[in-house]
PDB file of N, CA and C in Angstrom:
ATOM      1  N   MET A   1       0.906  -1.105   0.181  1.00  0.00           N
ATOM      2  CA  MET A   1      -0.069  -0.038  -0.028  1.00  0.00           C
ATOM      3  C   MET A   1       0.867   1.258  -0.218  1.00  0.00           C
ATOM      4  N   LEU A   2       0.388   2.112  -1.117  1.00  0.00           N
ATOM      5  CA  LEU A   2       1.468   3.477  -0.975  1.00  0.00           C
ATOM      6  C   LEU A   2       0.600   4.466  -0.189  1.00  0.00           C
ATOM      7  N   ILE A   3       1.227   5.135   0.613  1.00  0.00           N
ATOM      8  CA  ILE A   3       0.996   6.252   1.267  1.00  0.00           C
ATOM      9  C   ILE A   3       1.509   7.420   0.842  1.00  0.00           C
ATOM     10  N   HIS A   4       0.607   8.507   0.862  1.00  0.00           N
ATOM     11  CA  HIS A   4       1.188   9.944   0.274  1.00  0.00           C
ATOM     12  C   HIS A   4       1.058  10.829   1.507  1.00  0.00           C
ATOM     13  N   PHE A   5       2.191  11.525   1.621  1.00  0.00           N
ATOM     14  CA  PHE A   5       1.850  12.559   2.910  1.00  0.00           C
ATOM     15  C   PHE A   5       2.323  13.908   2.301  1.00  0.00           C
ATOM     16  N   LEU A   6       1.453  15.141   2.582  1.00  0.00           N
ATOM     17  CA  LEU A   6       1.752  16.604   2.150  1.00  0.00           C
ATOM     18  C   LEU A   6       2.101  16.931   3.684  1.00  0.00           C
ATOM     19  N   ARG A   7       3.186  17.617   3.729  1.00  0.00           N
ATOM     20  CA  ARG A   7       3.641  18.454   4.762  1.00  0.00           C
ATOM     21  C   ARG A   7       2.764  19.796   4.825  1.00  0.00           C
ATOM     22  N   PRO A   8       2.423  20.189   6.164  1.00  0.00           N
ATOM     23  CA  PRO A   8       1.636  21.390   6.112  1.00  0.00           C
ATOM     24  C   PRO A   8       2.440  22.577   5.434  1.00  0.00           C
ATOM     25  N   THR A   9       1.626  23.319   5.071  1.00  0.00           N
ATOM     26  CA  THR A   9       2.426  24.916   4.297  1.00  0.00           C
ATOM     27  C   THR A   9       2.249  25.854   4.951  1.00  0.00           C
ATOM     28  N   ASP A  10       2.822  27.140   4.979  1.00  0.00           N
ATOM     29  CA  ASP A  10       2.700  27.895   5.712  1.00  0.00           C
ATOM     30  C   ASP A  10       2.539  29.236   4.700  1.00  0.00           C
ATOM     31  N   GLU A  11       2.368  30.519   5.222  1.00  0.00           N
ATOM     32  CA  GLU A  11       1.772  31.630   4.493  1.00  0.00           C
ATOM     33  C   GLU A  11       2.949  32.365   3.462  1.00  0.00           C
ATOM     34  N   ASN A  12       4.203  32.111   4.076  1.00  0.00           N
ATOM     35  CA  ASN A  12       5.308  32.334   3.064  1.00  0.00           C
ATOM     36  C   ASN A  12       5.262  31.599   1.832  1.00  0.00           C
ATOM     37  N   GLU A  13       5.045  30.295   1.966  1.00  0.00           N
ATOM     38  CA  GLU A  13       5.124  29.247   1.073  1.00  0.00           C
ATOM     39  C   GLU A  13       4.034  29.773  -0.091  1.00  0.00           C
ATOM     40  N   VAL A  14       2.897  30.013   0.555  1.00  0.00           N
ATOM     41  CA  VAL A  14       1.781  30.050  -0.471  1.00  0.00           C
ATOM     42  C   VAL A  14       2.034  31.638  -0.987  1.00  0.00           C
ATOM     43  N   CYS A  15       2.345  32.509  -0.304  1.00  0.00           N
ATOM     44  CA  CYS A  15       2.824  33.878  -1.211  1.00  0.00           C
ATOM     45  C   CYS A  15       3.676  33.652  -2.179  1.00  0.00           C
ATOM     46  N   LYS A  16       4.893  32.941  -1.777  1.00  0.00           N
ATOM     47  CA  LYS A  16       5.852  32.689  -2.775  1.00  0.00           C
ATOM     48  C   LYS A  16       5.081  31.963  -4.081  1.00  0.00           C
ATOM     49  N   ALA A  17       4.435  30.906  -3.705  1.00  0.00           N
ATOM     50  CA  ALA A  17       4.020  30.109  -5.058  1.00  0.00           C
ATOM     51  C   ALA A  17       2.990  30.845  -5.858  1.00  0.00           C
ATOM     52  N   THR A  18       2.038  31.649  -5.085  1.00  0.00           N
ATOM     53  CA  THR A  18       1.009  32.599  -5.883  1.00  0.00           C
ATOM     54  C   THR A  18       1.871  33.698  -6.891  1.00  0.00           C
ATOM     55  N   PHE A  19       2.929  34.234  -6.231  1.00  0.00           N
ATOM     56  CA  PHE A  19       3.805  35.198  -7.300  1.00  0.00           C
ATOM     57  C   PHE A  19       4.335  34.563  -8.243  1.00  0.00           C
ATOM     58  N   SER A  20       4.678  33.167  -8.135  1.00  0.00           N
ATOM     59  CA  SER A  20       5.419  32.723  -9.212  1.00  0.00           C
ATOM     60  C   SER A  20       4.518  32.188 -10.409  1.00  0.00           C
ATOM     61  N   LEU A  21       3.403  32.283 -10.180  1.00  0.00           N
ATOM     62  CA  LEU A  21       2.333  31.859 -11.339  1.00  0.00           C
ATOM     63  C   LEU A  21       2.348  32.664 -12.285  1.00  0.00           C
ATOM     64  N   LYS A  22       2.201  32.108 -13.453  1.00  0.00           N
ATOM     65  CA  LYS A  22       2.145  33.130 -14.977  1.00  0.00           C
ATOM     66  C   LYS A  22       1.139  34.050 -14.698  1.00  0.00           C
ATOM     67  N   ASN A  23       1.122  35.321 -15.409  1.00  0.00           N
ATOM     68  CA  ASN A  23      -0.114  35.804 -15.179  1.00  0.00           C
ATOM     69  C   ASN A  23      -0.944  35.501 -16.085  1.00  0.00           C
ATOM     70  N   SER A  24      -2.294  35.595 -16.021  1.00  0.00           N
ATOM     71  CA  SER A  24      -3.341  34.983 -16.772  1.00  0.00           C
ATOM     72  C   SER A  24      -4.199  36.000 -16.689  1.00  0.00           C
ATOM     73  N   TYR A  25      -4.990  36.214 -17.996  1.00  0.00           N
ATOM     74  CA  TYR A  25      -6.245  36.921 -18.264  1.00  0.00           C
ATOM     75  C   TYR A  25      -7.174  36.352 -18.580  1.00  0.00           C
ATOM     76  N   SER A  26      -7.103  35.043 -18.394  1.00  0.00           N
ATOM     77  CA  SER A  26      -8.330  34.215 -18.572  1.00  0.00           C
ATOM     78  C   SER A  26      -8.885  34.102 -17.147  1.00  0.00           C
ATOM     79  N   ASN A  27     -10.120  33.803 -17.178  1.00  0.00           N
ATOM     80  CA  ASN A  27     -10.981  33.539 -15.669  1.00  0.00           C
ATOM     81  C   ASN A  27     -11.470  32.264 -15.475  1.00  0.00           C
ATOM     82  N   GLY A  28     -11.475  31.672 -14.347  1.00  0.00           N
ATOM     83  CA  GLY A  28     -12.432  30.317 -14.437  1.00  0.00           C
ATOM     84  C   GLY A  28     -13.890  30.597 -14.213  1.00  0.00           C
ATOM     85  N   HIS A  29     -14.313  29.556 -13.696  1.00  0.00           N
ATOM     86  CA  HIS A  29     -16.118  29.650 -13.622  1.00  0.00           C
ATOM     87  C   HIS A  29     -16.180  30.593 -12.450  1.00  0.00           C
ATOM     88  N   ASP A  30     -15.253  30.990 -11.740  1.00  0.00           N
ATOM     89  CA  ASP A  30     -15.429  31.969 -10.553  1.00  0.00           C
ATOM     90  C   ASP A  30     -15.200  33.505 -10.996  1.00  0.00           C
ATOM     91  N   GLU A  31     -14.820  33.541 -12.362  1.00  0.00           N
ATOM     92  CA  GLU A  31     -14.828  34.836 -12.897  1.00  0.00           C
ATOM     93  C   GLU A  31     -13.487  35.537 -12.307  1.00  0.00           C
ATOM     94  N   ILE A  32     -12.725  35.173 -11.471  1.00  0.00           N
ATOM     95  CA  ILE A  32     -11.558  35.773 -10.955  1.00  0.00           C
ATOM     96  C   ILE A  32     -10.143  35.461 -11.841  1.00  0.00           C
ATOM     97  N   THR A  33      -9.726  36.266 -12.268  1.00  0.00           N
ATOM     98  CA  THR A  33      -8.436  36.596 -12.951  1.00  0.00           C
ATOM     99  C   THR A  33      -7.024  36.211 -12.267  1.00  0.00           C
ATOM    100  N   SER A  34      -7.080  36.649 -10.777  1.00  0.00           N
ATOM    101  CA  SER A  34      -5.750  36.515 -10.540  1.00  0.00           C
ATOM    102  C   SER A  34      -5.938  36.774  -9.053  1.00  0.00           C
ATOM    103  N   VAL A  35      -5.369  36.487  -7.945  1.00  0.00           N
ATOM    104  CA  VAL A  35      -5.309  36.639  -6.633  1.00  0.00           C
ATOM    105  C   VAL A  35      -3.900  37.357  -6.418  1.00  0.00           C
ATOM    106  N   LYS A  36      -3.009  37.293  -7.280  1.00  0.00           N
ATOM    107  CA  LYS A  36      -2.041  38.340  -7.005  1.00  0.00           C
ATOM    108  C   LYS A  36      -1.792  39.548  -6.400  1.00  0.00           C
ATOM    109  N   HIS A  37      -2.929  40.413  -6.634  1.00  0.00           N
ATOM    110  CA  HIS A  37      -2.997  41.669  -6.254  1.00  0.00           C
ATOM    111  C   HIS A  37      -3.684  41.776  -4.730  1.00  0.00           C
ATOM    112  N   CYS A  38      -4.008  40.774  -4.304  1.00  0.00           N
ATOM    113  CA  CYS A  38      -4.696  40.772  -3.063  1.00  0.00           C
ATOM    114  C   CYS A  38      -4.228  39.580  -1.966  1.00  0.00           C
ATOM    115  N   ILE A  39      -2.875  39.181  -2.729  1.00  0.00           N
ATOM    116  CA  ILE A  39      -2.420  37.962  -1.708  1.00  0.00           C
ATOM    117  C   ILE A  39      -2.035  38.018  -0.495  1.00  0.00           C
ATOM    118  N   ASN A  40      -1.746  39.358  -0.050  1.00  0.00           N
ATOM    119  CA  ASN A  40      -1.786  39.917   0.937  1.00  0.00           C
ATOM    120  C   ASN A  40      -2.472  39.735   2.096  1.00  0.00           C
ATOM    121  N   GLU A  41      -3.940  39.857   1.550  1.00  0.00           N
ATOM    122  CA  GLU A  41      -4.945  40.063   2.285  1.00  0.00           C
ATOM    123  C   GLU A  41      -5.696  38.714   2.528  1.00  0.00           C
ATOM    124  N   VAL A  42      -5.493  37.348   1.376  1.00  0.00           N
ATOM    125  CA  VAL A  42      -5.912  36.158   1.367  1.00  0.00           C
ATOM    126  C   VAL A  42      -4.863  35.220   2.032  1.00  0.00           C
ATOM    127  N   CYS A  43      -3.566  35.414   2.120  1.00  0.00           N
ATOM    128  CA  CYS A  43      -2.899  34.342   2.075  1.00  0.00           C
ATOM    129  C   CYS A  43      -2.916  33.630   3.186  1.00  0.00           C
ATOM    130  N   GLN A  44      -3.570  34.435   4.500  1.00  0.00           N
ATOM    131  CA  GLN A  44      -3.815  33.425   5.969  1.00  0.00           C
ATOM    132  C   GLN A  44      -4.998  32.560   5.439  1.00  0.00           C
ATOM    133  N   PRO A  45      -6.086  33.007   5.123  1.00  0.00           N
ATOM    134  CA  PRO A  45      -7.116  32.438   4.952  1.00  0.00           C
ATOM    135  C   PRO A  45      -6.972  30.915   3.935  1.00  0.00           C
ATOM    136  N   MET A  46      -6.494  31.320   2.865  1.00  0.00           N
ATOM    137  CA  MET A  46      -5.905  30.206   2.078  1.00  0.00           C
ATOM    138  C   MET A  46      -4.733  29.220   2.416  1.00  0.00           C
ATOM    139  N   THR A  47      -3.881  29.598   3.181  1.00  0.00           N
ATOM    140  CA  THR A  47      -3.182  28.728   4.063  1.00  0.00           C
ATOM    141  C   THR A  47      -4.003  27.827   4.919  1.00  0.00           C
ATOM    142  N   VAL A  48      -5.072  28.293   5.551  1.00  0.00           N
ATOM    143  CA  VAL A  48      -5.457  27.404   6.394  1.00  0.00           C
ATOM    144  C   VAL A  48      -6.464  26.339   5.547  1.00  0.00           C
ATOM    145  N   ILE A  49      -7.073  27.121   4.603  1.00  0.00           N
ATOM    146  CA  ILE A  49      -7.779  25.881   3.730  1.00  0.00           C
ATOM    147  C   ILE A  49      -6.837  25.009   2.933  1.00  0.00           C
ATOM    148  N   PHE A  50      -5.756  25.399   2.594  1.00  0.00           N
ATOM    149  CA  PHE A  50      -4.870  24.198   1.944  1.00  0.00           C
ATOM    150  C   PHE A  50      -4.405  23.023   2.974  1.00  0.00           C
ATOM    151  N   ASN A  51      -4.013  23.854   4.170  1.00  0.00           N
ATOM    152  CA  ASN A  51      -3.497  22.870   5.131  1.00  0.00           C
ATOM    153  C   ASN A  51      -4.734  21.777   5.820  1.00  0.00           C
ATOM    154  N   LYS A  52      -5.905  22.340   5.687  1.00  0.00           N
ATOM    155  CA  LYS A  52      -7.062  21.586   6.286  1.00  0.00           C
ATOM    156  C   LYS A  52      -7.551  20.392   4.995  1.00  0.00           C
ATOM    157  N   SER A  53      -7.369  21.036   3.609  1.00  0.00           N
ATOM    158  CA  SER A  53      -7.355  19.715   2.826  1.00  0.00           C
ATOM    159  C   SER A  53      -6.157  18.750   2.599  1.00  0.00           C
ATOM    160  N   PHE A  54      -4.980  19.412   2.862  1.00  0.00           N
ATOM    161  CA  PHE A  54      -3.887  18.327   3.229  1.00  0.00           C
ATOM    162  C   PHE A  54      -4.123  17.309   4.095  1.00  0.00           C
ATOM    163  N   LYS A  55      -4.760  17.860   5.420  1.00  0.00           N
ATOM    164  CA  LYS A  55      -4.924  17.128   6.428  1.00  0.00           C
ATOM    165  C   LYS A  55      -6.103  16.113   6.332  1.00  0.00           C
ATOM    166  N   ASP A  56      -7.194  16.414   5.811  1.00  0.00           N
ATOM    167  CA  ASP A  56      -8.356  15.683   5.555  1.00  0.00           C
ATOM    168  C   ASP A  56      -8.468  15.011   4.372  1.00  0.00           C
ATOM    169  N   GLY A  57      -7.464  15.245   3.222  1.00  0.00           N
ATOM    170  CA  GLY A  57      -7.437  14.639   1.883  1.00  0.00           C
ATOM    171  C   GLY A  57      -8.962  15.026   1.030  1.00  0.00           C
ATOM    172  N   ILE A  58      -9.476  16.043   1.369  1.00  0.00           N
ATOM    173  CA  ILE A  58     -10.543  16.519   0.485  1.00  0.00           C
ATOM    174  C   ILE A  58     -10.218  17.818   0.043  1.00  0.00           C
ATOM    175  N   VAL A  59     -10.663  17.992  -1.315  1.00  0.00           N
ATOM    176  CA  VAL A  59     -10.260  19.261  -2.157  1.00  0.00           C
ATOM    177  C   VAL A  59     -11.725  19.667  -2.111  1.00  0.00           C
ATOM    178  N   PRO A  60     -11.972  21.204  -1.520  1.00  0.00           N
ATOM    179  CA  PRO A  60     -13.001  21.704  -2.016  1.00  0.00           C
ATOM    180  C   PRO A  60     -13.723  21.656  -3.640  1.00  0.00           C
ATOM    181  N   THR A  61     -15.178  21.237  -3.462  1.00  0.00           N
ATOM    182  CA  THR A  61     -15.481  21.193  -4.619  1.00  0.00           C
ATOM    183  C   THR A  61     -15.609  22.174  -5.723  1.00  0.00           C
ATOM    184  N   GLY A  62     -15.493  23.640  -5.307  1.00  0.00           N
ATOM    185  CA  GLY A  62     -15.403  24.595  -6.265  1.00  0.00           C
ATOM    186  C   GLY A  62     -14.041  24.706  -6.926  1.00  0.00           C
ATOM    187  N   VAL A  63     -13.130  24.048  -6.316  1.00  0.00           N
ATOM    188  CA  VAL A  63     -11.597  23.959  -7.122  1.00  0.00           C
ATOM    189  C   VAL A  63     -11.613  23.078  -8.218  1.00  0.00           C
ATOM    190  N   LYS A  64     -12.477  21.783  -8.156  1.00  0.00           N
ATOM    191  CA  LYS A  64     -12.566  20.815  -8.799  1.00  0.00           C
ATOM    192  C   LYS A  64     -12.970  21.297 -10.237  1.00  0.00           C
ATOM    193  N   ILE A  65     -14.023  22.398 -10.213  1.00  0.00           N
ATOM    194  CA  ILE A  65     -14.703  22.820 -11.326  1.00  0.00           C
ATOM    195  C   ILE A  65     -13.854  23.594 -12.620  1.00  0.00           C
ATOM    196  N   ALA A  66     -13.925  23.175 -13.820  1.00  0.00           N
ATOM    197  CA  ALA A  66     -13.149  24.053 -14.664  1.00  0.00           C
ATOM    198  C   ALA A  66     -13.891  24.318 -16.001  1.00  0.00           C
ATOM    199  N   LYS A  67     -13.800  25.557 -16.691  1.00  0.00           N
ATOM    200  CA  LYS A  67     -14.407  25.898 -17.644  1.00  0.00           C
ATOM    201  C   LYS A  67     -13.661  25.427 -18.921  1.00  0.00           C
ATOM    202  N   VAL A  68     -14.280  24.675 -19.732  1.00  0.00           N
ATOM    203  CA  VAL A  68     -13.627  24.064 -20.876  1.00  0.00           C
ATOM    204  C   VAL A  68     -14.185  24.581 -22.014  1.00  0.00           C
ATOM    205  N   ILE A  69     -12.929  25.034 -22.882  1.00  0.00           N
ATOM    206  CA  ILE A  69     -13.331  25.788 -24.053  1.00  0.00           C
ATOM    207  C   ILE A  69     -12.739  25.283 -25.332  1.00  0.00           C
ATOM    208  N   PRO A  70     -13.414  24.935 -26.366  1.00  0.00           N
ATOM    209  CA  PRO A  70     -12.855  24.318 -27.340  1.00  0.00           C
ATOM    210  C   PRO A  70     -11.947  25.439 -28.157  1.00  0.00           C
ATOM    211  N   VAL A  71     -10.837  24.719 -28.585  1.00  0.00           N
ATOM    212  CA  VAL A  71      -9.973  25.623 -29.509  1.00  0.00           C
ATOM    213  C   VAL A  71      -9.772  24.900 -30.986  1.00  0.00           C
ATOM    214  N   PHE A  72     -10.107  25.696 -31.763  1.00  0.00           N
ATOM    215  CA  PHE A  72     -10.114  25.270 -33.406  1.00  0.00           C
ATOM    216  C   PHE A  72      -8.317  24.962 -33.509  1.00  0.00           C
ATOM    217  N   LYS A  73      -8.301  23.918 -34.286  1.00  0.00           N
ATOM    218  CA  LYS A  73      -6.707  23.497 -34.722  1.00  0.00           C
ATOM    219  C   LYS A  73      -6.388  23.574 -35.703  1.00  0.00           C
ATOM    220  N   ALA A  74      -7.121  23.176 -37.084  1.00  0.00           N
ATOM    221  CA  ALA A  74      -7.230  23.332 -38.239  1.00  0.00           C
ATOM    222  C   ALA A  74      -8.173  22.733 -39.369  1.00  0.00           C
ATOM    223  N   ASP A  75      -8.219  22.956 -40.454  1.00  0.00           N
ATOM    224  CA  ASP A  75      -8.986  22.316 -41.589  1.00  0.00           C
ATOM    225  C   ASP A  75     -10.324  22.722 -41.436  1.00  0.00           C
ATOM    226  N   ASP A  76     -11.300  22.174 -41.376  1.00  0.00           N
ATOM    227  CA  ASP A  76     -12.758  22.361 -41.582  1.00  0.00           C
ATOM    228  C   ASP A  76     -13.317  22.578 -40.000  1.00  0.00           C
ATOM    229  N   LYS A  77     -13.751  23.818 -40.056  1.00  0.00           N
ATOM    230  CA  LYS A  77     -14.428  24.236 -38.604  1.00  0.00           C
ATOM    231  C   LYS A  77     -15.815  23.406 -38.327  1.00  0.00           C
ATOM    232  N   LYS A  78     -16.531  23.040 -39.258  1.00  0.00           N
ATOM    233  CA  LYS A  78     -17.487  22.068 -38.865  1.00  0.00           C
ATOM    234  C   LYS A  78     -17.410  20.685 -38.482  1.00  0.00           C
ATOM    235  N   ILE A  79     -16.127  20.370 -38.247  1.00  0.00           N
ATOM    236  CA  ILE A  79     -15.746  19.157 -37.956  1.00  0.00           C
ATOM    237  C   ILE A  79     -15.500  19.086 -36.534  1.00  0.00           C
ATOM    238  N   VAL A  80     -16.112  18.374 -35.620  1.00  0.00           N
ATOM    239  CA  VAL A  80     -15.898  18.538 -34.110  1.00  0.00           C
ATOM    240  C   VAL A  80     -14.359  18.086 -34.067  1.00  0.00           C
ATOM    241  N   SER A  81     -13.908  17.177 -34.366  1.00  0.00           N
ATOM    242  CA  SER A  81     -12.612  16.315 -34.046  1.00  0.00           C
ATOM    243  C   SER A  81     -11.294  17.420 -34.647  1.00  0.00           C
ATOM    244  N   ASN A  82     -11.678  18.712 -35.314  1.00  0.00           N
ATOM    245  CA  ASN A  82     -10.752  19.638 -35.721  1.00  0.00           C
ATOM    246  C   ASN A  82     -10.622  20.879 -34.466  1.00  0.00           C
ATOM    247  N   TYR A  83     -11.389  20.473 -33.396  1.00  0.00           N
ATOM    248  CA  TYR A  83     -11.047  21.295 -32.163  1.00  0.00           C
ATOM    249  C   TYR A  83     -10.391  20.374 -30.720  1.00  0.00           C
ATOM    250  N   ARG A  84      -9.786  21.264 -29.946  1.00  0.00           N
ATOM    251  CA  ARG A  84      -9.107  20.518 -28.555  1.00  0.00           C
ATOM    252  C   ARG A  84      -9.564  21.307 -27.617  1.00  0.00           C
ATOM    253  N   PRO A  85     -10.018  20.729 -26.401  1.00  0.00           N
ATOM    254  CA  PRO A  85     -10.260  21.172 -25.497  1.00  0.00           C
ATOM    255  C   PRO A  85      -9.312  21.927 -24.563  1.00  0.00           C
ATOM    256  N   ILE A  86      -9.416  22.848 -23.824  1.00  0.00           N
ATOM    257  CA  ILE A  86      -8.725  23.785 -22.916  1.00  0.00           C
ATOM    258  C   ILE A  86      -9.498  23.801 -21.870  1.00  0.00           C
ATOM    259  N   SER A  87      -8.737  23.597 -20.674  1.00  0.00           N
ATOM    260  CA  SER A  87      -9.492  23.710 -19.421  1.00  0.00           C
ATOM    261  C   SER A  87      -8.955  24.865 -18.777  1.00  0.00           C
ATOM    262  N   ILE A  88      -9.862  25.682 -18.293  1.00  0.00           N
ATOM    263  CA  ILE A  88      -9.303  27.062 -17.260  1.00  0.00           C
ATOM    264  C   ILE A  88     -10.153  26.421 -15.963  1.00  0.00           C
ATOM    265  N   ASN A  89      -8.902  26.770 -14.997  1.00  0.00           N
ATOM    266  CA  ASN A  89      -9.536  26.278 -13.914  1.00  0.00           C
ATOM    267  C   ASN A  89      -9.526  27.650 -12.960  1.00  0.00           C
ATOM    268  N   SER A  90     -10.154  27.399 -11.795  1.00  0.00           N
ATOM    269  CA  SER A  90     -10.354  28.867 -11.033  1.00  0.00           C
ATOM    270  C   SER A  90      -8.925  29.123 -10.340  1.00  0.00           C
ATOM    271  N   CYS A  91      -8.693  30.301 -10.074  1.00  0.00           N
ATOM    272  CA  CYS A  91      -7.390  30.751  -9.537  1.00  0.00           C
ATOM    273  C   CYS A  91      -7.124  30.270  -7.952  1.00  0.00           C
TER     274      CYS A  91
END
């Protein structure tokens, strides 16, 4: 049996990871494009949520939802197989 363990995180790690994310102008189902501009205000509650998720092994339902957009590849636009899905997750 394989057991995985995630160590608890801290506010510094959450802030550092947030600032390392690529800037995005797309928004997920929650209509939020980025938390970089307010990370100092939301870092502490996010850290609590992450650590509870690690401890309990449960990911909040809202984080599992993605907006899927078909992106045209090539050839005939009327053929469904000429599109590929892009998943945009909530930040």
